[in-house]
Amino acid sequence: MLRQERENMIKFLSKVKEMSNDKLMVLTDEDLEHLYSRTYTTHEAYEEVM
């Protein structure tokens, strides 16, 4: 994973899930990617309903 991708994922998750950057920084790339994809899919579906 590119560093910029990781930073973008962390920014998105910290806004949407209101998680601290410190907690997100210690996740592995796989864990971060999994959490991001689950959150993004849910967020995207929610936005479509609104």
Protein backbone atom coordinates (compact mmCIF):
# COMPACT_ATOMS: atom_id res chain seq x y z
CA MET A 1 0.00 0.00 0.00
CA LEU A 2 1.29 3.44 -0.83
CA ARG A 3 1.88 5.86 2.00
CA GLN A 4 -0.55 8.40 0.52
CA GLU A 5 -3.29 5.76 0.30
CA ARG A 6 -2.76 4.88 3.94
CA GLU A 7 -2.89 8.53 5.00
CA ASN A 8 -6.12 9.06 3.04
CA MET A 9 -7.71 6.00 4.64
CA ILE A 10 -6.73 7.19 8.11
CA LYS A 11 -8.16 10.66 7.45
CA PHE A 12 -11.43 9.19 6.20
CA LEU A 13 -11.78 6.80 9.13
CA SER A 14 -10.93 9.44 11.70
CA LYS A 15 -13.72 11.65 10.32
CA VAL A 16 -16.41 9.05 9.66
CA LYS A 17 -15.79 6.62 12.53
CA GLU A 18 -14.45 9.30 14.88
CA MET A 19 -11.46 7.14 15.73
CA SER A 20 -8.22 8.66 16.91
CA ASN A 21 -5.26 8.80 14.56
CA ASP A 22 -3.15 7.09 17.21
CA LYS A 23 -5.35 3.99 17.15
CA LEU A 24 -5.45 3.90 13.36
CA MET A 25 -1.70 4.34 12.98
CA VAL A 26 -0.92 1.09 14.78
CA LEU A 27 -3.14 -1.05 12.54
CA THR A 28 -1.52 -3.23 9.93
CA ASP A 29 -2.13 -2.40 6.28
CA GLU A 30 -4.50 -5.37 5.99
CA ASP A 31 -6.50 -4.37 9.06
CA LEU A 32 -6.69 -0.77 7.96
CA GLU A 33 -7.78 -1.75 4.46
CA HIS A 34 -10.46 -4.09 5.82
CA LEU A 35 -11.84 -1.46 8.20
CA TYR A 36 -11.75 1.17 5.47
CA SER A 37 -13.59 -0.95 2.90
CA ARG A 38 -16.31 -1.91 5.41
CA THR A 39 -16.75 1.67 6.56
CA TYR A 40 -16.65 3.14 3.05
CA THR A 41 -19.26 0.69 1.76
CA THR A 42 -21.58 1.42 4.67
CA HIS A 43 -21.01 5.18 4.38
CA GLU A 44 -21.62 5.09 0.61
CA ALA A 45 -24.88 3.13 1.06
CA TYR A 46 -26.02 5.57 3.74
CA GLU A 47 -25.30 8.55 1.47
CA GLU A 48 -27.36 7.00 -1.34
CA VAL A 49 -30.38 6.66 0.95
CA MET A 50 -30.16 10.29 2.03
